[in-house]
Every structure is written in C-alpha cells, then in structure tokens.
Amino acid sequence: MTVTVSSVNKMPQLHNTDEAVPVTPGIQLVEVTAPASSETYTEVALAVSSFCEYLAPLLHLSKPGISTGVVPTAAAAVASLMSDGGGTTL
C-alpha cells in the first residue's frame, strides 16, 4: 500500500483539467493506492478499506465541491504513520 499526502490550494475541476478552482487553503489530500490483480482484488480492497476506516476519524472528510478541511492533528497523525516523510510503502 502506498500513502501520499499533498497540500493543495487549487484543484482541477471535474472533467476540466485546464481550469482550477480554489479549495480550503492548505487542505491536505490523502491518497491511498495499492496494486491489485483480479486474483488479489478482494484482499487489497479490504486492506485499503480497513486503513481508510483507521484514518477517517482523524480527518474531516469532504465531498467534491464541499470542502470541510482537515483537523489540526491530521497532518501530525499522517506524518507519524510515514516517519520518513512523503509517500511510504506500508
């Protein structure tokens, strides 16, 4: 599993990557990815889902177009999960 945290101030609009719209300043996006094949899809989906359930209480989750921001401790929580910074393979 790879976890990447990015701070952004603007995001491309859905279906229009040439235009960007402002978001909550300093919002942090947490991206969780994992390689899967047709044989391992269920196992990988369960692992990603479990990790997201663990991380969810630390974040204010946002719906597209409705930014709610991130709690002040989320950055520290994610940083502690990734002790060497940047994306880390877990």
PDB file of N, CA and C in Angstrom:
ATOM      1  N   MET A   1       0.850  -1.163   0.000  1.00  0.00           N
ATOM      2  CA  MET A   1       0.000   0.000   0.000  1.00  0.00           C
ATOM      3  C   MET A   1       0.901   1.232   0.000  1.00  0.00           C
ATOM      4  N   THR A   2       0.525   2.242  -0.758  1.00  0.00           N
ATOM      5  CA  THR A   2       1.268   3.491  -0.788  1.00  0.00           C
ATOM      6  C   THR A   2       0.348   4.609  -0.317  1.00  0.00           C
ATOM      7  N   VAL A   3       0.840   5.432   0.604  1.00  0.00           N
ATOM      8  CA  VAL A   3       0.075   6.566   1.119  1.00  0.00           C
ATOM      9  C   VAL A   3       0.830   7.832   0.753  1.00  0.00           C
ATOM     10  N   THR A   4       0.140   8.770   0.100  1.00  0.00           N
ATOM     11  CA  THR A   4       0.734  10.038  -0.283  1.00  0.00           C
ATOM     12  C   THR A   4      -0.121  11.163   0.279  1.00  0.00           C
ATOM     13  N   VAL A   5       0.527  12.149   0.888  1.00  0.00           N
ATOM     14  CA  VAL A   5      -0.178  13.309   1.419  1.00  0.00           C
ATOM     15  C   VAL A   5       0.293  14.532   0.653  1.00  0.00           C
ATOM     16  N   SER A   6      -0.651  15.301   0.111  1.00  0.00           N
ATOM     17  CA  SER A   6      -0.327  16.505  -0.650  1.00  0.00           C
ATOM     18  C   SER A   6      -1.101  17.688  -0.097  1.00  0.00           C
ATOM     19  N   SER A   7      -0.436  18.837   0.009  1.00  0.00           N
ATOM     20  CA  SER A   7      -1.123  20.077   0.370  1.00  0.00           C
ATOM     21  C   SER A   7      -1.410  20.836  -0.918  1.00  0.00           C
ATOM     22  N   VAL A   8      -2.644  21.287  -1.077  1.00  0.00           N
ATOM     23  CA  VAL A   8      -3.022  21.989  -2.303  1.00  0.00           C
ATOM     24  C   VAL A   8      -3.823  23.235  -1.964  1.00  0.00           C
ATOM     25  N   ASN A   9      -3.802  24.182  -2.883  1.00  0.00           N
ATOM     26  CA  ASN A   9      -4.628  25.377  -2.760  1.00  0.00           C
ATOM     27  C   ASN A   9      -5.656  25.463  -3.879  1.00  0.00           C
ATOM     28  N   LYS A  10      -5.413  24.751  -4.982  1.00  0.00           N
ATOM     29  CA  LYS A  10      -6.364  24.719  -6.094  1.00  0.00           C
ATOM     30  C   LYS A  10      -6.412  23.304  -6.643  1.00  0.00           C
ATOM     31  N   MET A  11      -7.583  22.931  -7.125  1.00  0.00           N
ATOM     32  CA  MET A  11      -7.761  21.613  -7.728  1.00  0.00           C
ATOM     33  C   MET A  11      -8.424  21.764  -9.086  1.00  0.00           C
ATOM     34  N   PRO A  12      -8.073  20.886 -10.054  1.00  0.00           N
ATOM     35  CA  PRO A  12      -8.768  20.924 -11.337  1.00  0.00           C
ATOM     36  C   PRO A  12     -10.247  20.615 -11.141  1.00  0.00           C
ATOM     37  N   GLN A  13     -11.071  21.250 -11.974  1.00  0.00           N
ATOM     38  CA  GLN A  13     -12.498  20.952 -11.922  1.00  0.00           C
ATOM     39  C   GLN A  13     -12.740  19.578 -12.536  1.00  0.00           C
ATOM     40  N   LEU A  14     -13.743  18.902 -12.046  1.00  0.00           N
ATOM     41  CA  LEU A  14     -14.103  17.608 -12.591  1.00  0.00           C
ATOM     42  C   LEU A  14     -14.397  17.749 -14.077  1.00  0.00           C
ATOM     43  N   HIS A  15     -13.809  16.916 -14.895  1.00  0.00           N
ATOM     44  CA  HIS A  15     -13.995  16.897 -16.348  1.00  0.00           C
ATOM     45  C   HIS A  15     -13.390  18.109 -17.047  1.00  0.00           C
ATOM     46  N   ASN A  16     -12.606  18.937 -16.344  1.00  0.00           N
ATOM     47  CA  ASN A  16     -11.994  20.092 -16.994  1.00  0.00           C
ATOM     48  C   ASN A  16     -10.658  20.371 -16.324  1.00  0.00           C
ATOM     49  N   THR A  17      -9.619  19.687 -16.776  1.00  0.00           N
ATOM     50  CA  THR A  17      -8.314  19.814 -16.124  1.00  0.00           C
ATOM     51  C   THR A  17      -7.602  21.114 -16.461  1.00  0.00           C
ATOM     52  N   ASP A  18      -8.130  21.907 -17.411  1.00  0.00           N
ATOM     53  CA  ASP A  18      -7.493  23.179 -17.755  1.00  0.00           C
ATOM     54  C   ASP A  18      -7.853  24.284 -16.774  1.00  0.00           C
ATOM     55  N   GLU A  19      -8.946  24.135 -16.059  1.00  0.00           N
ATOM     56  CA  GLU A  19      -9.363  25.146 -15.089  1.00  0.00           C
ATOM     57  C   GLU A  19      -9.212  24.592 -13.685  1.00  0.00           C
ATOM     58  N   ALA A  20      -8.769  25.451 -12.774  1.00  0.00           N
ATOM     59  CA  ALA A  20      -8.633  25.038 -11.379  1.00  0.00           C
ATOM     60  C   ALA A  20      -9.533  25.909 -10.518  1.00  0.00           C
ATOM     61  N   VAL A  21     -10.054  25.342  -9.469  1.00  0.00           N
ATOM     62  CA  VAL A  21     -10.918  26.084  -8.553  1.00  0.00           C
ATOM     63  C   VAL A  21     -10.257  26.139  -7.183  1.00  0.00           C
ATOM     64  N   PRO A  22     -10.413  27.263  -6.471  1.00  0.00           N
ATOM     65  CA  PRO A  22      -9.830  27.356  -5.136  1.00  0.00           C
ATOM     66  C   PRO A  22     -10.472  26.353  -4.187  1.00  0.00           C
ATOM     67  N   VAL A  23      -9.677  25.865  -3.262  1.00  0.00           N
ATOM     68  CA  VAL A  23     -10.176  24.994  -2.202  1.00  0.00           C
ATOM     69  C   VAL A  23      -9.759  25.602  -0.877  1.00  0.00           C
ATOM     70  N   THR A  24     -10.158  24.991   0.209  1.00  0.00           N
ATOM     71  CA  THR A  24      -9.753  25.471   1.523  1.00  0.00           C
ATOM     72  C   THR A  24      -8.230  25.610   1.535  1.00  0.00           C
ATOM     73  N   PRO A  25      -7.687  26.786   1.874  1.00  0.00           N
ATOM     74  CA  PRO A  25      -6.224  26.967   1.848  1.00  0.00           C
ATOM     75  C   PRO A  25      -5.511  25.921   2.695  1.00  0.00           C
ATOM     76  N   GLY A  26      -4.478  25.326   2.107  1.00  0.00           N
ATOM     77  CA  GLY A  26      -3.673  24.358   2.833  1.00  0.00           C
ATOM     78  C   GLY A  26      -4.343  23.018   3.060  1.00  0.00           C
ATOM     79  N   ILE A  27      -5.431  22.739   2.325  1.00  0.00           N
ATOM     80  CA  ILE A  27      -6.103  21.451   2.513  1.00  0.00           C
ATOM     81  C   ILE A  27      -5.133  20.326   2.149  1.00  0.00           C
ATOM     82  N   GLN A  28      -5.217  19.246   2.852  1.00  0.00           N
ATOM     83  CA  GLN A  28      -4.338  18.115   2.589  1.00  0.00           C
ATOM     84  C   GLN A  28      -5.146  16.962   2.022  1.00  0.00           C
ATOM     85  N   LEU A  29      -4.641  16.420   0.922  1.00  0.00           N
ATOM     86  CA  LEU A  29      -5.277  15.276   0.290  1.00  0.00           C
ATOM     87  C   LEU A  29      -4.493  14.030   0.665  1.00  0.00           C
ATOM     88  N   VAL A  30      -5.177  13.008   1.094  1.00  0.00           N
ATOM     89  CA  VAL A  30      -4.546  11.734   1.428  1.00  0.00           C
ATOM     90  C   VAL A  30      -4.963  10.740   0.353  1.00  0.00           C
ATOM     91  N   GLU A  31      -3.971  10.243  -0.384  1.00  0.00           N
ATOM     92  CA  GLU A  31      -4.236   9.283  -1.453  1.00  0.00           C
ATOM     93  C   GLU A  31      -3.689   7.927  -1.024  1.00  0.00           C
ATOM     94  N   VAL A  32      -4.518   6.916  -1.084  1.00  0.00           N
ATOM     95  CA  VAL A  32      -4.115   5.558  -0.722  1.00  0.00           C
ATOM     96  C   VAL A  32      -4.247   4.701  -1.970  1.00  0.00           C
ATOM     97  N   THR A  33      -3.145   4.087  -2.397  1.00  0.00           N
ATOM     98  CA  THR A  33      -3.177   3.233  -3.577  1.00  0.00           C
ATOM     99  C   THR A  33      -2.526   1.894  -3.254  1.00  0.00           C
ATOM    100  N   ALA A  34      -2.924   0.888  -3.984  1.00  0.00           N
ATOM    101  CA  ALA A  34      -2.336  -0.443  -3.818  1.00  0.00           C
ATOM    102  C   ALA A  34      -2.511  -1.211  -5.123  1.00  0.00           C
ATOM    103  N   PRO A  35      -1.454  -1.883  -5.561  1.00  0.00           N
ATOM    104  CA  PRO A  35      -1.592  -2.679  -6.784  1.00  0.00           C
ATOM    105  C   PRO A  35      -2.480  -3.893  -6.528  1.00  0.00           C
ATOM    106  N   ALA A  36      -3.282  -4.227  -7.516  1.00  0.00           N
ATOM    107  CA  ALA A  36      -4.170  -5.386  -7.369  1.00  0.00           C
ATOM    108  C   ALA A  36      -4.323  -6.075  -8.719  1.00  0.00           C
ATOM    109  N   SER A  37      -4.534  -7.342  -8.657  1.00  0.00           N
ATOM    110  CA  SER A  37      -4.860  -8.121  -9.851  1.00  0.00           C
ATOM    111  C   SER A  37      -6.257  -8.695  -9.642  1.00  0.00           C
ATOM    112  N   SER A  38      -6.741  -9.368 -10.639  1.00  0.00           N
ATOM    113  CA  SER A  38      -8.079  -9.952 -10.482  1.00  0.00           C
ATOM    114  C   SER A  38      -8.097 -10.995  -9.366  1.00  0.00           C
ATOM    115  N   GLU A  39      -6.944 -11.623  -9.109  1.00  0.00           N
ATOM    116  CA  GLU A  39      -6.875 -12.635  -8.053  1.00  0.00           C
ATOM    117  C   GLU A  39      -6.799 -12.016  -6.657  1.00  0.00           C
ATOM    118  N   THR A  40      -6.210 -10.817  -6.544  1.00  0.00           N
ATOM    119  CA  THR A  40      -5.985 -10.216  -5.219  1.00  0.00           C
ATOM    120  C   THR A  40      -6.892  -9.029  -4.932  1.00  0.00           C
ATOM    121  N   TYR A  41      -7.812  -8.732  -5.850  1.00  0.00           N
ATOM    122  CA  TYR A  41      -8.627  -7.521  -5.710  1.00  0.00           C
ATOM    123  C   TYR A  41      -9.369  -7.463  -4.375  1.00  0.00           C
ATOM    124  N   THR A  42     -10.020  -8.534  -3.982  1.00  0.00           N
ATOM    125  CA  THR A  42     -10.809  -8.531  -2.744  1.00  0.00           C
ATOM    126  C   THR A  42      -9.925  -8.270  -1.534  1.00  0.00           C
ATOM    127  N   GLU A  43      -8.778  -8.929  -1.471  1.00  0.00           N
ATOM    128  CA  GLU A  43      -7.854  -8.746  -0.349  1.00  0.00           C
ATOM    129  C   GLU A  43      -7.330  -7.309  -0.290  1.00  0.00           C
ATOM    130  N   VAL A  44      -6.962  -6.762  -1.445  1.00  0.00           N
ATOM    131  CA  VAL A  44      -6.450  -5.391  -1.495  1.00  0.00           C
ATOM    132  C   VAL A  44      -7.547  -4.400  -1.134  1.00  0.00           C
ATOM    133  N   ALA A  45      -8.751  -4.596  -1.658  1.00  0.00           N
ATOM    134  CA  ALA A  45      -9.860  -3.691  -1.345  1.00  0.00           C
ATOM    135  C   ALA A  45     -10.157  -3.689   0.151  1.00  0.00           C
ATOM    136  N   LEU A  46     -10.119  -4.849   0.785  1.00  0.00           N
ATOM    137  CA  LEU A  46     -10.349  -4.924   2.232  1.00  0.00           C
ATOM    138  C   LEU A  46      -9.238  -4.225   3.010  1.00  0.00           C
ATOM    139  N   ALA A  47      -7.980  -4.376   2.563  1.00  0.00           N
ATOM    140  CA  ALA A  47      -6.859  -3.727   3.248  1.00  0.00           C
ATOM    141  C   ALA A  47      -6.955  -2.211   3.144  1.00  0.00           C
ATOM    142  N   VAL A  48      -7.261  -1.700   1.946  1.00  0.00           N
ATOM    143  CA  VAL A  48      -7.396  -0.250   1.760  1.00  0.00           C
ATOM    144  C   VAL A  48      -8.580   0.265   2.565  1.00  0.00           C
ATOM    145  N   SER A  49      -9.689  -0.449   2.540  1.00  0.00           N
ATOM    146  CA  SER A  49     -10.873  -0.047   3.293  1.00  0.00           C
ATOM    147  C   SER A  49     -10.585   0.005   4.789  1.00  0.00           C
ATOM    148  N   SER A  50      -9.892  -0.998   5.306  1.00  0.00           N
ATOM    149  CA  SER A  50      -9.553  -1.024   6.733  1.00  0.00           C
ATOM    150  C   SER A  50      -8.652   0.138   7.108  1.00  0.00           C
ATOM    151  N   PHE A  51      -7.671   0.433   6.251  1.00  0.00           N
ATOM    152  CA  PHE A  51      -6.768   1.548   6.525  1.00  0.00           C
ATOM    153  C   PHE A  51      -7.536   2.869   6.522  1.00  0.00           C
ATOM    154  N   CYS A  52      -8.437   3.037   5.561  1.00  0.00           N
ATOM    155  CA  CYS A  52      -9.224   4.277   5.493  1.00  0.00           C
ATOM    156  C   CYS A  52     -10.132   4.424   6.709  1.00  0.00           C
ATOM    157  N   GLU A  53     -10.686   3.326   7.197  1.00  0.00           N
ATOM    158  CA  GLU A  53     -11.505   3.384   8.413  1.00  0.00           C
ATOM    159  C   GLU A  53     -10.663   3.804   9.611  1.00  0.00           C
ATOM    160  N   TYR A  54      -9.399   3.355   9.646  1.00  0.00           N
ATOM    161  CA  TYR A  54      -8.480   3.749  10.717  1.00  0.00           C
ATOM    162  C   TYR A  54      -8.163   5.243  10.628  1.00  0.00           C
ATOM    163  N   LEU A  55      -7.971   5.738   9.405  1.00  0.00           N
ATOM    164  CA  LEU A  55      -7.577   7.131   9.200  1.00  0.00           C
ATOM    165  C   LEU A  55      -8.755   8.100   9.289  1.00  0.00           C
ATOM    166  N   ALA A  56      -9.952   7.657   8.937  1.00  0.00           N
ATOM    167  CA  ALA A  56     -11.126   8.532   8.851  1.00  0.00           C
ATOM    168  C   ALA A  56     -11.411   9.353  10.104  1.00  0.00           C
ATOM    169  N   PRO A  57     -11.306   8.811  11.321  1.00  0.00           N
ATOM    170  CA  PRO A  57     -11.604   9.641  12.500  1.00  0.00           C
ATOM    171  C   PRO A  57     -10.653  10.823  12.675  1.00  0.00           C
ATOM    172  N   LEU A  58      -9.502  10.767  12.006  1.00  0.00           N
ATOM    173  CA  LEU A  58      -8.530  11.854  12.118  1.00  0.00           C
ATOM    174  C   LEU A  58      -8.811  12.982  11.135  1.00  0.00           C
ATOM    175  N   LEU A  59      -9.718  12.750  10.195  1.00  0.00           N
ATOM    176  CA  LEU A  59      -9.956  13.703   9.111  1.00  0.00           C
ATOM    177  C   LEU A  59     -11.398  14.184   9.107  1.00  0.00           C
ATOM    178  N   HIS A  60     -11.590  15.402   8.596  1.00  0.00           N
ATOM    179  CA  HIS A  60     -12.929  15.853   8.220  1.00  0.00           C
ATOM    180  C   HIS A  60     -13.049  15.497   6.747  1.00  0.00           C
ATOM    181  N   LEU A  61     -13.817  14.506   6.419  1.00  0.00           N
ATOM    182  CA  LEU A  61     -13.922  14.083   5.029  1.00  0.00           C
ATOM    183  C   LEU A  61     -14.752  15.079   4.236  1.00  0.00           C
ATOM    184  N   SER A  62     -14.371  15.317   2.994  1.00  0.00           N
ATOM    185  CA  SER A  62     -15.045  16.284   2.136  1.00  0.00           C
ATOM    186  C   SER A  62     -15.681  15.581   0.952  1.00  0.00           C
ATOM    187  N   LYS A  63     -16.817  16.108   0.515  1.00  0.00           N
ATOM    188  CA  LYS A  63     -17.428  15.664  -0.722  1.00  0.00           C
ATOM    189  C   LYS A  63     -16.931  16.597  -1.816  1.00  0.00           C
ATOM    190  N   PRO A  64     -16.892  16.135  -3.071  1.00  0.00           N
ATOM    191  CA  PRO A  64     -16.448  17.019  -4.157  1.00  0.00           C
ATOM    192  C   PRO A  64     -17.239  18.324  -4.164  1.00  0.00           C
ATOM    193  N   GLY A  65     -16.525  19.435  -4.186  1.00  0.00           N
ATOM    194  CA  GLY A  65     -17.161  20.746  -4.217  1.00  0.00           C
ATOM    195  C   GLY A  65     -17.564  21.283  -2.865  1.00  0.00           C
ATOM    196  N   ILE A  66     -17.485  20.477  -1.814  1.00  0.00           N
ATOM    197  CA  ILE A  66     -17.855  20.919  -0.469  1.00  0.00           C
ATOM    198  C   ILE A  66     -16.686  20.612   0.463  1.00  0.00           C
ATOM    199  N   SER A  67     -15.744  21.555   0.558  1.00  0.00           N
ATOM    200  CA  SER A  67     -14.560  21.328   1.378  1.00  0.00           C
ATOM    201  C   SER A  67     -14.866  21.598   2.840  1.00  0.00           C
ATOM    202  N   THR A  68     -14.516  20.660   3.688  1.00  0.00           N
ATOM    203  CA  THR A  68     -14.688  20.865   5.125  1.00  0.00           C
ATOM    204  C   THR A  68     -13.353  20.999   5.830  1.00  0.00           C
ATOM    205  N   GLY A  69     -12.261  20.798   5.091  1.00  0.00           N
ATOM    206  CA  GLY A  69     -10.942  20.973   5.686  1.00  0.00           C
ATOM    207  C   GLY A  69     -10.457  19.739   6.430  1.00  0.00           C
ATOM    208  N   VAL A  70      -9.365  19.922   7.145  1.00  0.00           N
ATOM    209  CA  VAL A  70      -8.715  18.835   7.862  1.00  0.00           C
ATOM    210  C   VAL A  70      -8.518  19.262   9.301  1.00  0.00           C
ATOM    211  N   VAL A  71      -8.710  18.366  10.233  1.00  0.00           N
ATOM    212  CA  VAL A  71      -8.483  18.710  11.633  1.00  0.00           C
ATOM    213  C   VAL A  71      -7.004  18.994  11.841  1.00  0.00           C
ATOM    214  N   PRO A  72      -6.651  19.871  12.813  1.00  0.00           N
ATOM    215  CA  PRO A  72      -5.254  20.249  13.010  1.00  0.00           C
ATOM    216  C   PRO A  72      -4.323  19.071  13.284  1.00  0.00           C
ATOM    217  N   THR A  73      -4.824  17.994  13.847  1.00  0.00           N
ATOM    218  CA  THR A  73      -3.953  16.866  14.182  1.00  0.00           C
ATOM    219  C   THR A  73      -3.784  15.874  13.040  1.00  0.00           C
ATOM    220  N   ALA A  74      -4.524  16.026  11.958  1.00  0.00           N
ATOM    221  CA  ALA A  74      -4.445  15.047  10.874  1.00  0.00           C
ATOM    222  C   ALA A  74      -3.064  15.014  10.245  1.00  0.00           C
ATOM    223  N   ALA A  75      -2.467  16.185  10.013  1.00  0.00           N
ATOM    224  CA  ALA A  75      -1.135  16.220   9.403  1.00  0.00           C
ATOM    225  C   ALA A  75      -0.125  15.511  10.291  1.00  0.00           C
ATOM    226  N   ALA A  76      -0.202  15.751  11.582  1.00  0.00           N
ATOM    227  CA  ALA A  76       0.715  15.089  12.511  1.00  0.00           C
ATOM    228  C   ALA A  76       0.452  13.589  12.561  1.00  0.00           C
ATOM    229  N   ALA A  77      -0.815  13.203  12.503  1.00  0.00           N
ATOM    230  CA  ALA A  77      -1.151  11.777  12.541  1.00  0.00           C
ATOM    231  C   ALA A  77      -0.612  11.061  11.313  1.00  0.00           C
ATOM    232  N   VAL A  78      -0.800  11.673  10.145  1.00  0.00           N
ATOM    233  CA  VAL A  78      -0.297  11.059   8.922  1.00  0.00           C
ATOM    234  C   VAL A  78       1.224  11.049   8.933  1.00  0.00           C
ATOM    235  N   ALA A  79       1.847  12.146   9.388  1.00  0.00           N
ATOM    236  CA  ALA A  79       3.309  12.202   9.446  1.00  0.00           C
ATOM    237  C   ALA A  79       3.867  11.106  10.345  1.00  0.00           C
ATOM    238  N   SER A  80       3.177  10.811  11.432  1.00  0.00           N
ATOM    239  CA  SER A  80       3.668   9.760  12.323  1.00  0.00           C
ATOM    240  C   SER A  80       3.541   8.384  11.678  1.00  0.00           C
ATOM    241  N   LEU A  81       2.539   8.225  10.800  1.00  0.00           N
ATOM    242  CA  LEU A  81       2.400   6.957  10.086  1.00  0.00           C
ATOM    243  C   LEU A  81       3.499   6.791   9.045  1.00  0.00           C
ATOM    244  N   MET A  82       3.982   7.919   8.529  1.00  0.00           N
ATOM    245  CA  MET A  82       5.006   7.901   7.486  1.00  0.00           C
ATOM    246  C   MET A  82       6.261   8.572   8.021  1.00  0.00           C
ATOM    247  N   SER A  83       6.997   7.901   8.863  1.00  0.00           N
ATOM    248  CA  SER A  83       8.096   8.504   9.602  1.00  0.00           C
ATOM    249  C   SER A  83       9.203   9.060   8.727  1.00  0.00           C
ATOM    250  N   ASP A  84       9.357   8.576   7.487  1.00  0.00           N
ATOM    251  CA  ASP A  84      10.415   9.110   6.644  1.00  0.00           C
ATOM    252  C   ASP A  84       9.909  10.188   5.704  1.00  0.00           C
ATOM    253  N   GLY A  85       8.643  10.608   5.831  1.00  0.00           N
ATOM    254  CA  GLY A  85       8.079  11.681   5.014  1.00  0.00           C
ATOM    255  C   GLY A  85       7.727  11.206   3.615  1.00  0.00           C
ATOM    256  N   GLY A  86       6.918  12.013   2.914  1.00  0.00           N
ATOM    257  CA  GLY A  86       6.499  11.661   1.567  1.00  0.00           C
ATOM    258  C   GLY A  86       5.672  10.395   1.557  1.00  0.00           C
ATOM    259  N   GLY A  87       5.494   9.828   0.395  1.00  0.00           N
ATOM    260  CA  GLY A  87       4.761   8.574   0.299  1.00  0.00           C
ATOM    261  C   GLY A  87       5.609   7.422   0.804  1.00  0.00           C
ATOM    262  N   THR A  88       5.016   6.533   1.510  1.00  0.00           N
ATOM    263  CA  THR A  88       5.738   5.393   2.064  1.00  0.00           C
ATOM    264  C   THR A  88       4.974   4.119   1.759  1.00  0.00           C
ATOM    265  N   THR A  89       5.686   3.115   1.303  1.00  0.00           N
ATOM    266  CA  THR A  89       5.053   1.825   1.084  1.00  0.00           C
ATOM    267  C   THR A  89       4.870   1.156   2.423  1.00  0.00           C
ATOM    268  N   LEU A  90       3.632   0.812   2.751  1.00  0.00           N
ATOM    269  CA  LEU A  90       3.329   0.162   4.025  1.00  0.00           C
ATOM    270  C   LEU A  90       3.210  -1.335   3.840  1.00  0.00           C
TER     271      LEU A  90
END
